[in-house]
Amino acid sequence: MPVEVRSGRQQTTAIGIGIVALVLAIALAWGILKVASGGGTSTRLRLGDDVFEAGNATRLSKQIKAEGPLLFSDVSGRGQNRPVFINHFGDDPDIRWVAFDAVAPDAPENCFLSWSVERELFEERSVAAGGDYRKGEICRDITFAANGEGLTQYKWTVNDEGLLSIDFRKDPEGKDIGGTNVGEGDSGD
């Protein structure tokens, strides 16, 4: 079988190309891992929307009146980073909405807010077994009113078609622009 004979220069060129390709592959893999992990830079990969379309305000207000506040387990599309409750007060579906975080400040892992029908307030309960709490067990003895006072609040609007939207955008300093019980109408008490 014939064997190709290469000059020393061709062999050196082939080795050089192989080394450059290897270095580029390593650099590309490192860059992908850096971006995926956040990399400590100001560049962030963002998934999901900053405005959540909750649905028809009339239908939602009737459902809340019958069943209590609605939990949307993750409206960010980022894996349980933003579970929120939506509540409504009164009979007019265009006003008196509140939208707020379903996680209390400094909550232990796996502890989220849960609506207590009997007490008509939010309690902090464990959603999974493990850690310090059994599933369904009260995590800390803290409660929040039906309007979510003391929790991060989000701005809401009901548009001309009767759709309720929740706005999660932040101001230039990174703070939520929602404020306390913000919306087109007043909040519930």
N, C-alpha and C. Protein backbone atom coordinates (compact mmCIF):
# COMPACT_ATOMS: atom_id res chain seq x y z
N MET A 1 0.85 -1.16 0.00
CA MET A 1 0.00 0.00 0.00
C MET A 1 0.90 1.23 0.00
N PRO A 2 0.59 2.18 -0.87
CA PRO A 2 1.45 3.37 -0.95
C PRO A 2 1.23 4.28 0.25
N VAL A 3 2.25 4.90 0.70
CA VAL A 3 2.23 5.83 1.82
C VAL A 3 2.62 7.20 1.29
N GLU A 4 1.80 8.21 1.66
CA GLU A 4 2.10 9.56 1.21
C GLU A 4 3.28 10.11 1.99
N VAL A 5 4.15 10.69 1.29
CA VAL A 5 5.31 11.29 1.93
C VAL A 5 5.09 12.80 1.98
N ARG A 6 5.18 13.35 3.19
CA ARG A 6 4.99 14.80 3.36
C ARG A 6 6.31 15.42 3.78
N SER A 7 6.42 16.64 3.39
CA SER A 7 7.62 17.36 3.79
C SER A 7 7.47 17.80 5.24
N GLY A 8 8.54 18.20 5.84
CA GLY A 8 8.52 18.69 7.22
C GLY A 8 7.63 19.91 7.36
N ARG A 9 7.61 20.75 6.33
CA ARG A 9 6.79 21.94 6.37
C ARG A 9 5.30 21.58 6.39
N GLN A 10 4.87 20.60 5.58
CA GLN A 10 3.47 20.18 5.55
C GLN A 10 3.06 19.57 6.89
N GLN A 11 3.94 18.81 7.50
CA GLN A 11 3.64 18.21 8.79
C GLN A 11 3.49 19.29 9.86
N THR A 12 4.35 20.27 9.84
CA THR A 12 4.29 21.37 10.80
C THR A 12 3.00 22.16 10.62
N THR A 13 2.61 22.41 9.38
CA THR A 13 1.37 23.14 9.09
C THR A 13 0.16 22.35 9.60
N ALA A 14 0.12 21.06 9.37
CA ALA A 14 -1.00 20.22 9.82
C ALA A 14 -1.10 20.22 11.34
N ILE A 15 0.03 20.11 12.02
CA ILE A 15 0.04 20.14 13.49
C ILE A 15 -0.42 21.51 13.99
N GLY A 16 0.03 22.58 13.36
CA GLY A 16 -0.38 23.93 13.74
C GLY A 16 -1.88 24.14 13.59
N ILE A 17 -2.43 23.67 12.46
CA ILE A 17 -3.88 23.79 12.24
C ILE A 17 -4.64 23.01 13.30
N GLY A 18 -4.15 21.81 13.63
CA GLY A 18 -4.80 21.00 14.67
C GLY A 18 -4.79 21.69 16.02
N ILE A 19 -3.67 22.30 16.39
CA ILE A 19 -3.55 23.00 17.67
C ILE A 19 -4.48 24.22 17.70
N VAL A 20 -4.52 25.00 16.62
CA VAL A 20 -5.40 26.17 16.56
C VAL A 20 -6.87 25.74 16.67
N ALA A 21 -7.25 24.67 15.97
CA ALA A 21 -8.63 24.17 16.05
C ALA A 21 -8.97 23.73 17.47
N LEU A 22 -8.04 23.06 18.15
CA LEU A 22 -8.26 22.62 19.52
C LEU A 22 -8.42 23.82 20.46
N VAL A 23 -7.59 24.83 20.32
CA VAL A 23 -7.67 26.03 21.16
C VAL A 23 -9.00 26.75 20.92
N LEU A 24 -9.43 26.86 19.64
CA LEU A 24 -10.71 27.50 19.34
C LEU A 24 -11.87 26.71 19.94
N ALA A 25 -11.84 25.39 19.88
CA ALA A 25 -12.91 24.56 20.45
C ALA A 25 -12.98 24.75 21.97
N ILE A 26 -11.83 24.79 22.63
CA ILE A 26 -11.80 25.00 24.07
C ILE A 26 -12.33 26.39 24.43
N ALA A 27 -11.93 27.40 23.67
CA ALA A 27 -12.39 28.77 23.92
C ALA A 27 -13.90 28.87 23.71
N LEU A 28 -14.43 28.24 22.69
CA LEU A 28 -15.87 28.25 22.43
C LEU A 28 -16.62 27.56 23.57
N ALA A 29 -16.15 26.40 24.01
CA ALA A 29 -16.79 25.69 25.11
C ALA A 29 -16.76 26.53 26.38
N TRP A 30 -15.63 27.17 26.67
CA TRP A 30 -15.52 28.03 27.85
C TRP A 30 -16.50 29.20 27.76
N GLY A 31 -16.61 29.81 26.58
CA GLY A 31 -17.53 30.94 26.40
C GLY A 31 -18.97 30.53 26.61
N ILE A 32 -19.36 29.37 26.10
CA ILE A 32 -20.72 28.89 26.27
C ILE A 32 -21.02 28.64 27.74
N LEU A 33 -20.08 28.01 28.45
CA LEU A 33 -20.27 27.76 29.89
C LEU A 33 -20.34 29.06 30.67
N LYS A 34 -19.54 30.04 30.30
CA LYS A 34 -19.53 31.33 30.98
C LYS A 34 -20.89 32.03 30.83
N VAL A 35 -21.42 32.03 29.62
CA VAL A 35 -22.72 32.66 29.38
C VAL A 35 -23.82 31.91 30.12
N ALA A 36 -23.79 30.58 30.07
CA ALA A 36 -24.84 29.77 30.70
C ALA A 36 -24.85 29.92 32.22
N SER A 37 -23.69 30.15 32.84
CA SER A 37 -23.62 30.26 34.29
C SER A 37 -23.77 31.69 34.79
N GLY A 38 -23.95 32.62 33.91
CA GLY A 38 -24.08 34.01 34.33
C GLY A 38 -22.75 34.73 34.25
N GLY A 39 -21.68 34.02 34.50
CA GLY A 39 -20.32 34.50 34.30
C GLY A 39 -19.90 35.70 35.11
N GLY A 40 -20.73 36.17 36.01
CA GLY A 40 -20.34 37.32 36.82
C GLY A 40 -20.29 38.61 36.01
N THR A 41 -20.83 38.61 34.82
CA THR A 41 -20.84 39.82 34.02
C THR A 41 -22.22 40.43 34.05
N SER A 42 -22.35 41.59 33.46
CA SER A 42 -23.65 42.24 33.43
C SER A 42 -24.55 41.66 32.35
N THR A 43 -24.03 40.80 31.50
CA THR A 43 -24.85 40.17 30.47
C THR A 43 -25.62 39.03 31.08
N ARG A 44 -26.95 39.06 30.89
CA ARG A 44 -27.80 38.01 31.44
C ARG A 44 -28.68 37.46 30.34
N LEU A 45 -28.82 36.16 30.31
CA LEU A 45 -29.74 35.52 29.40
C LEU A 45 -31.11 35.59 30.03
N ARG A 46 -32.06 36.22 29.35
CA ARG A 46 -33.40 36.37 29.91
C ARG A 46 -34.38 35.61 29.04
N LEU A 47 -35.19 34.79 29.70
CA LEU A 47 -36.25 34.06 29.02
C LEU A 47 -37.57 34.51 29.60
N GLY A 48 -38.63 34.39 28.85
CA GLY A 48 -39.94 34.76 29.36
C GLY A 48 -40.22 36.23 29.09
N ASP A 49 -41.43 36.63 29.43
CA ASP A 49 -41.88 37.99 29.17
C ASP A 49 -41.87 38.81 30.45
N ASP A 50 -41.76 40.13 30.28
CA ASP A 50 -41.84 41.04 31.41
C ASP A 50 -43.27 41.46 31.70
N VAL A 51 -44.19 41.18 30.79
CA VAL A 51 -45.61 41.45 31.00
C VAL A 51 -46.34 40.13 30.84
N PHE A 52 -47.06 39.73 31.88
CA PHE A 52 -47.79 38.46 31.89
C PHE A 52 -49.26 38.72 31.61
N GLU A 53 -49.77 38.09 30.57
CA GLU A 53 -51.18 38.18 30.23
C GLU A 53 -51.93 37.13 31.04
N ALA A 54 -52.59 37.54 32.11
CA ALA A 54 -53.26 36.60 33.01
C ALA A 54 -54.54 36.03 32.42
N GLY A 55 -55.24 36.81 31.62
CA GLY A 55 -56.46 36.33 31.00
C GLY A 55 -57.60 37.31 31.11
N ASN A 56 -58.80 36.84 30.81
CA ASN A 56 -60.00 37.66 30.82
C ASN A 56 -60.33 38.07 32.26
N ALA A 57 -60.38 39.37 32.49
CA ALA A 57 -60.58 39.90 33.85
C ALA A 57 -61.93 39.49 34.44
N THR A 58 -62.97 39.46 33.62
CA THR A 58 -64.29 39.07 34.13
C THR A 58 -64.27 37.62 34.59
N ARG A 59 -63.74 36.74 33.77
CA ARG A 59 -63.67 35.32 34.12
C ARG A 59 -62.80 35.11 35.36
N LEU A 60 -61.64 35.78 35.41
CA LEU A 60 -60.74 35.63 36.55
C LEU A 60 -61.37 36.15 37.84
N SER A 61 -62.07 37.28 37.77
CA SER A 61 -62.69 37.82 38.99
C SER A 61 -63.77 36.88 39.52
N LYS A 62 -64.55 36.27 38.62
CA LYS A 62 -65.56 35.30 39.05
C LYS A 62 -64.90 34.07 39.67
N GLN A 63 -63.81 33.61 39.08
CA GLN A 63 -63.11 32.45 39.62
C GLN A 63 -62.54 32.75 41.01
N ILE A 64 -61.97 33.93 41.18
CA ILE A 64 -61.43 34.33 42.49
C ILE A 64 -62.54 34.43 43.52
N LYS A 65 -63.69 34.98 43.14
CA LYS A 65 -64.81 35.11 44.07
C LYS A 65 -65.27 33.73 44.54
N ALA A 66 -65.23 32.74 43.64
CA ALA A 66 -65.69 31.39 43.99
C ALA A 66 -64.63 30.55 44.70
N GLU A 67 -63.35 30.72 44.32
CA GLU A 67 -62.30 29.81 44.79
C GLU A 67 -61.20 30.46 45.63
N GLY A 68 -61.12 31.78 45.63
CA GLY A 68 -60.05 32.46 46.34
C GLY A 68 -58.96 32.92 45.39
N PRO A 69 -57.91 33.57 45.92
CA PRO A 69 -56.84 34.11 45.09
C PRO A 69 -56.23 33.05 44.18
N LEU A 70 -55.80 33.49 42.99
CA LEU A 70 -55.23 32.57 42.01
C LEU A 70 -53.71 32.57 42.09
N LEU A 71 -53.14 31.39 42.13
CA LEU A 71 -51.69 31.23 42.11
C LEU A 71 -51.25 30.89 40.70
N PHE A 72 -50.32 31.66 40.18
CA PHE A 72 -49.66 31.33 38.92
C PHE A 72 -48.25 30.90 39.33
N SER A 73 -47.97 29.59 39.21
CA SER A 73 -46.77 29.03 39.82
C SER A 73 -45.47 29.56 39.23
N ASP A 74 -45.44 29.91 37.95
CA ASP A 74 -44.23 30.52 37.41
C ASP A 74 -44.59 31.29 36.16
N VAL A 75 -44.64 32.59 36.28
CA VAL A 75 -44.99 33.42 35.14
C VAL A 75 -43.77 33.95 34.42
N SER A 76 -42.57 33.62 34.91
CA SER A 76 -41.36 34.15 34.31
C SER A 76 -40.83 33.26 33.20
N GLY A 77 -41.21 31.99 33.19
CA GLY A 77 -40.60 31.06 32.24
C GLY A 77 -39.19 30.72 32.65
N ARG A 78 -38.83 30.98 33.88
CA ARG A 78 -37.45 30.77 34.34
C ARG A 78 -37.37 29.74 35.45
N GLY A 79 -38.33 28.86 35.57
CA GLY A 79 -38.24 27.77 36.54
C GLY A 79 -38.50 28.16 37.98
N GLN A 80 -39.70 28.52 38.33
CA GLN A 80 -40.12 28.87 39.69
C GLN A 80 -39.42 30.10 40.24
N ASN A 81 -38.99 30.99 39.37
CA ASN A 81 -38.36 32.22 39.85
C ASN A 81 -39.36 33.30 40.19
N ARG A 82 -40.58 33.18 39.70
CA ARG A 82 -41.54 34.22 39.98
C ARG A 82 -42.96 33.66 40.09
N PRO A 83 -43.26 32.92 41.15
CA PRO A 83 -44.65 32.54 41.36
C PRO A 83 -45.39 33.75 41.94
N VAL A 84 -46.61 34.01 41.45
CA VAL A 84 -47.37 35.17 41.91
C VAL A 84 -48.81 34.77 42.24
N PHE A 85 -49.39 35.55 43.14
CA PHE A 85 -50.81 35.46 43.41
C PHE A 85 -51.48 36.66 42.78
N ILE A 86 -52.70 36.44 42.30
CA ILE A 86 -53.54 37.52 41.80
C ILE A 86 -54.84 37.45 42.59
N ASN A 87 -55.27 38.61 43.10
CA ASN A 87 -56.50 38.66 43.85
C ASN A 87 -57.34 39.83 43.34
N HIS A 88 -58.64 39.75 43.57
CA HIS A 88 -59.55 40.78 43.11
C HIS A 88 -60.55 41.08 44.21
N PHE A 89 -60.94 42.35 44.32
CA PHE A 89 -61.89 42.79 45.33
C PHE A 89 -63.03 43.52 44.66
N GLY A 90 -64.23 43.28 45.09
CA GLY A 90 -65.40 43.97 44.55
C GLY A 90 -66.02 43.25 43.37
N ASP A 91 -66.96 43.96 42.70
CA ASP A 91 -67.72 43.36 41.61
C ASP A 91 -67.29 43.83 40.23
N ASP A 92 -66.54 44.92 40.14
CA ASP A 92 -66.13 45.48 38.85
C ASP A 92 -64.80 44.85 38.43
N PRO A 93 -64.78 44.05 37.35
CA PRO A 93 -63.54 43.38 36.95
C PRO A 93 -62.47 44.31 36.37
N ASP A 94 -62.80 45.58 36.19
CA ASP A 94 -61.82 46.52 35.63
C ASP A 94 -60.96 47.19 36.70
N ILE A 95 -61.33 47.05 37.97
CA ILE A 95 -60.60 47.74 39.05
C ILE A 95 -60.39 46.79 40.22
N ARG A 96 -59.56 47.25 41.17
CA ARG A 96 -59.32 46.61 42.47
C ARG A 96 -58.64 45.25 42.36
N TRP A 97 -57.62 45.17 41.53
CA TRP A 97 -56.79 43.97 41.43
C TRP A 97 -55.54 44.16 42.25
N VAL A 98 -54.94 43.06 42.67
CA VAL A 98 -53.60 43.07 43.24
C VAL A 98 -52.86 41.86 42.67
N ALA A 99 -51.56 42.06 42.45
CA ALA A 99 -50.68 40.98 42.00
C ALA A 99 -49.41 41.10 42.82
N PHE A 100 -48.97 39.99 43.41
CA PHE A 100 -47.82 40.06 44.31
C PHE A 100 -47.11 38.72 44.36
N ASP A 101 -45.87 38.76 44.86
CA ASP A 101 -45.05 37.55 44.97
C ASP A 101 -45.74 36.51 45.85
N ALA A 102 -45.59 35.25 45.48
CA ALA A 102 -46.13 34.14 46.27
C ALA A 102 -45.07 33.56 47.19
N VAL A 103 -43.98 34.29 47.34
CA VAL A 103 -42.91 33.87 48.25
C VAL A 103 -42.64 35.03 49.20
N ALA A 104 -42.67 34.74 50.48
CA ALA A 104 -42.40 35.79 51.48
C ALA A 104 -40.92 36.15 51.48
N PRO A 105 -40.59 37.37 51.89
CA PRO A 105 -39.17 37.74 51.99
C PRO A 105 -38.42 36.79 52.92
N ASP A 106 -37.22 36.39 52.53
CA ASP A 106 -36.35 35.50 53.31
C ASP A 106 -36.99 34.14 53.60
N ALA A 107 -37.85 33.68 52.71
CA ALA A 107 -38.52 32.39 52.91
C ALA A 107 -37.52 31.24 52.83
N PRO A 108 -37.67 30.23 53.69
CA PRO A 108 -36.82 29.04 53.58
C PRO A 108 -37.08 28.34 52.24
N GLU A 109 -36.14 27.51 51.84
CA GLU A 109 -36.28 26.78 50.58
C GLU A 109 -37.54 25.92 50.61
N ASN A 110 -38.24 25.87 49.49
CA ASN A 110 -39.48 25.11 49.30
C ASN A 110 -40.66 25.66 50.08
N CYS A 111 -40.57 26.85 50.62
CA CYS A 111 -41.68 27.44 51.36
C CYS A 111 -42.29 28.58 50.55
N PHE A 112 -43.57 28.43 50.24
CA PHE A 112 -44.31 29.39 49.45
C PHE A 112 -45.57 29.78 50.21
N LEU A 113 -46.20 30.86 49.77
CA LEU A 113 -47.44 31.28 50.40
C LEU A 113 -48.59 30.41 49.92
N SER A 114 -49.53 30.20 50.81
CA SER A 114 -50.70 29.38 50.53
C SER A 114 -51.91 30.09 51.12
N TRP A 115 -53.02 30.13 50.36
CA TRP A 115 -54.23 30.79 50.83
C TRP A 115 -54.96 29.89 51.81
N SER A 116 -55.27 30.44 52.98
CA SER A 116 -56.05 29.72 53.97
C SER A 116 -57.49 30.21 53.88
N VAL A 117 -58.38 29.33 53.42
CA VAL A 117 -59.79 29.68 53.27
C VAL A 117 -60.39 30.00 54.64
N GLU A 118 -60.05 29.19 55.64
CA GLU A 118 -60.61 29.37 56.98
C GLU A 118 -60.19 30.70 57.60
N ARG A 119 -58.93 31.05 57.46
CA ARG A 119 -58.40 32.26 58.11
C ARG A 119 -58.47 33.48 57.20
N GLU A 120 -58.75 33.29 55.91
CA GLU A 120 -58.79 34.34 54.91
C GLU A 120 -57.52 35.18 54.89
N LEU A 121 -56.39 34.48 54.84
CA LEU A 121 -55.08 35.11 54.73
C LEU A 121 -54.09 34.12 54.15
N PHE A 122 -52.90 34.62 53.85
CA PHE A 122 -51.85 33.77 53.29
C PHE A 122 -50.93 33.29 54.40
N GLU A 123 -50.61 32.00 54.37
CA GLU A 123 -49.68 31.38 55.30
C GLU A 123 -48.49 30.87 54.50
N GLU A 124 -47.36 30.72 55.17
CA GLU A 124 -46.18 30.18 54.51
C GLU A 124 -46.10 28.68 54.78
N ARG A 125 -46.16 27.88 53.72
CA ARG A 125 -46.15 26.43 53.86
C ARG A 125 -45.12 25.79 52.94
N SER A 126 -44.66 24.61 53.34
CA SER A 126 -43.71 23.85 52.54
C SER A 126 -44.46 23.15 51.41
N VAL A 127 -43.90 23.23 50.21
CA VAL A 127 -44.55 22.59 49.06
C VAL A 127 -43.96 21.23 48.74
N ALA A 128 -42.88 20.86 49.43
CA ALA A 128 -42.24 19.57 49.17
C ALA A 128 -41.63 19.04 50.47
N ALA A 129 -41.58 17.72 50.58
CA ALA A 129 -40.91 17.11 51.72
C ALA A 129 -39.41 17.29 51.57
N GLY A 130 -38.72 17.34 52.68
CA GLY A 130 -37.27 17.51 52.65
C GLY A 130 -36.87 18.75 53.39
N GLY A 131 -35.61 18.80 53.72
CA GLY A 131 -35.14 19.94 54.49
C GLY A 131 -35.71 19.91 55.89
N ASP A 132 -36.16 21.05 56.36
CA ASP A 132 -36.67 21.17 57.73
C ASP A 132 -38.17 20.94 57.86
N TYR A 133 -38.89 20.80 56.73
CA TYR A 133 -40.35 20.76 56.79
C TYR A 133 -40.92 19.60 55.98
N ARG A 134 -42.06 19.10 56.45
CA ARG A 134 -42.83 18.12 55.68
C ARG A 134 -43.74 18.87 54.72
N LYS A 135 -44.15 18.23 53.65
CA LYS A 135 -45.04 18.84 52.67
C LYS A 135 -46.32 19.31 53.35
N GLY A 136 -46.69 20.58 53.12
CA GLY A 136 -47.90 21.15 53.67
C GLY A 136 -47.75 21.75 55.05
N GLU A 137 -46.61 21.53 55.68
CA GLU A 137 -46.37 22.05 57.03
C GLU A 137 -46.10 23.55 56.98
N ILE A 138 -46.57 24.28 58.02
CA ILE A 138 -46.28 25.71 58.10
C ILE A 138 -44.79 25.88 58.35
N CYS A 139 -44.18 26.74 57.54
CA CYS A 139 -42.73 26.97 57.65
C CYS A 139 -42.41 27.94 58.77
N ARG A 140 -42.95 29.14 58.69
CA ARG A 140 -42.76 30.15 59.72
C ARG A 140 -44.12 30.69 60.11
N ASP A 141 -44.24 31.18 61.30
CA ASP A 141 -45.51 31.70 61.78
C ASP A 141 -45.67 33.15 61.32
N ILE A 142 -45.78 33.32 59.99
CA ILE A 142 -46.03 34.65 59.43
C ILE A 142 -47.24 34.54 58.51
N THR A 143 -47.99 35.62 58.43
CA THR A 143 -49.17 35.65 57.57
C THR A 143 -49.20 36.98 56.82
N PHE A 144 -49.96 36.98 55.73
CA PHE A 144 -50.14 38.19 54.93
C PHE A 144 -51.61 38.32 54.58
N ALA A 145 -52.08 39.57 54.54
CA ALA A 145 -53.47 39.86 54.22
C ALA A 145 -53.79 39.50 52.77
N ALA A 146 -55.07 39.46 52.45
CA ALA A 146 -55.53 39.09 51.12
C ALA A 146 -55.02 40.02 50.03
N ASN A 147 -54.65 41.26 50.39
CA ASN A 147 -54.13 42.19 49.39
C ASN A 147 -52.61 42.10 49.23
N GLY A 148 -51.97 41.17 49.94
CA GLY A 148 -50.53 40.96 49.78
C GLY A 148 -49.67 42.05 50.38
N GLU A 149 -50.23 42.86 51.26
CA GLU A 149 -49.45 43.94 51.86
C GLU A 149 -48.21 43.35 52.53
N GLY A 150 -47.05 43.96 52.28
CA GLY A 150 -45.79 43.49 52.82
C GLY A 150 -45.02 42.61 51.85
N LEU A 151 -45.64 42.28 50.73
CA LEU A 151 -44.99 41.48 49.69
C LEU A 151 -44.71 42.36 48.47
N THR A 152 -43.81 41.92 47.61
CA THR A 152 -43.53 42.68 46.40
C THR A 152 -44.79 42.72 45.54
N GLN A 153 -45.23 43.92 45.23
CA GLN A 153 -46.44 44.14 44.43
C GLN A 153 -46.06 44.46 42.99
N TYR A 154 -46.95 44.13 42.07
CA TYR A 154 -46.71 44.39 40.65
C TYR A 154 -47.84 45.20 40.05
N LYS A 155 -47.49 46.04 39.11
CA LYS A 155 -48.45 46.87 38.41
C LYS A 155 -49.35 45.98 37.54
N TRP A 156 -50.61 46.34 37.45
CA TRP A 156 -51.56 45.60 36.63
C TRP A 156 -52.36 46.56 35.78
N THR A 157 -52.91 46.05 34.70
CA THR A 157 -53.84 46.83 33.86
C THR A 157 -54.89 45.88 33.30
N VAL A 158 -56.05 46.43 33.05
CA VAL A 158 -57.10 45.74 32.31
C VAL A 158 -57.30 46.56 31.04
N ASN A 159 -57.04 45.94 29.87
CA ASN A 159 -57.12 46.70 28.61
C ASN A 159 -58.56 46.80 28.10
N ASP A 160 -58.73 47.44 26.97
CA ASP A 160 -60.07 47.66 26.39
C ASP A 160 -60.79 46.36 26.04
N GLU A 161 -60.04 45.30 25.80
CA GLU A 161 -60.65 43.99 25.49
C GLU A 161 -60.97 43.21 26.76
N GLY A 162 -60.67 43.77 27.93
CA GLY A 162 -60.97 43.11 29.19
C GLY A 162 -59.92 42.11 29.63
N LEU A 163 -58.69 42.21 29.11
CA LEU A 163 -57.61 41.30 29.49
C LEU A 163 -56.77 41.90 30.61
N LEU A 164 -56.54 41.09 31.65
CA LEU A 164 -55.71 41.51 32.78
C LEU A 164 -54.26 41.19 32.48
N SER A 165 -53.39 42.19 32.63
CA SER A 165 -51.95 42.02 32.42
C SER A 165 -51.21 42.43 33.68
N ILE A 166 -50.13 41.70 33.97
CA ILE A 166 -49.28 42.01 35.12
C ILE A 166 -47.92 42.41 34.58
N ASP A 167 -47.39 43.53 35.05
CA ASP A 167 -46.14 44.10 34.55
C ASP A 167 -45.01 43.84 35.54
N PHE A 168 -43.98 43.09 35.12
CA PHE A 168 -42.85 42.75 35.98
C PHE A 168 -41.60 43.56 35.68
N ARG A 169 -41.69 44.55 34.80
CA ARG A 169 -40.50 45.32 34.44
C ARG A 169 -39.94 46.05 35.64
N LYS A 170 -38.65 46.31 35.57
CA LYS A 170 -37.95 46.99 36.66
C LYS A 170 -37.48 48.35 36.18
N ASP A 171 -37.27 49.26 37.13
CA ASP A 171 -36.75 50.57 36.79
C ASP A 171 -35.25 50.45 36.49
N PRO A 172 -34.60 51.52 36.04
CA PRO A 172 -33.18 51.43 35.69
C PRO A 172 -32.27 50.98 36.83
N GLU A 173 -32.68 51.14 38.09
CA GLU A 173 -31.88 50.71 39.22
C GLU A 173 -32.15 49.26 39.60
N GLY A 174 -33.01 48.57 38.83
CA GLY A 174 -33.28 47.16 39.07
C GLY A 174 -34.39 46.89 40.06
N LYS A 175 -35.13 47.92 40.46
CA LYS A 175 -36.23 47.73 41.40
C LYS A 175 -37.52 47.50 40.62
N ASP A 176 -38.41 46.70 41.18
CA ASP A 176 -39.71 46.49 40.55
C ASP A 176 -40.44 47.81 40.47
N ILE A 177 -41.08 48.08 39.34
CA ILE A 177 -41.79 49.35 39.19
C ILE A 177 -43.21 49.26 39.70
N GLY A 178 -43.60 48.09 40.16
CA GLY A 178 -44.98 47.89 40.60
C GLY A 178 -45.36 48.72 41.80
N GLY A 179 -44.53 48.79 42.81
CA GLY A 179 -44.89 49.53 44.00
C GLY A 179 -45.96 48.79 44.78
N THR A 180 -46.61 49.46 45.70
CA THR A 180 -47.62 48.84 46.54
C THR A 180 -49.00 49.02 45.93
N ASN A 181 -49.64 47.89 45.65
CA ASN A 181 -51.04 47.90 45.17
C ASN A 181 -51.28 48.90 44.05
N VAL A 182 -50.46 48.83 43.03
CA VAL A 182 -50.57 49.76 41.92
C VAL A 182 -51.53 49.20 40.88
N GLY A 183 -52.30 50.04 40.27
CA GLY A 183 -53.17 49.62 39.19
C GLY A 183 -54.05 50.76 38.77
N GLU A 184 -54.97 50.48 37.88
CA GLU A 184 -55.86 51.52 37.43
C GLU A 184 -56.93 51.85 38.45
N GLY A 185 -57.25 50.89 39.30
CA GLY A 185 -58.23 51.13 40.35
C GLY A 185 -57.54 51.01 41.68
N ASP A 186 -58.29 51.19 42.76
CA ASP A 186 -57.66 51.04 44.06
C ASP A 186 -57.55 49.56 44.41
N SER A 187 -56.70 49.27 45.35
CA SER A 187 -56.50 47.88 45.77
C SER A 187 -57.57 47.49 46.77
N GLY A 188 -57.64 46.23 47.06
CA GLY A 188 -58.58 45.78 48.09
C GLY A 188 -58.00 45.97 49.46
N ASP A 189 -58.83 46.03 50.42
CA ASP A 189 -58.35 46.15 51.80
C ASP A 189 -58.44 44.83 52.50
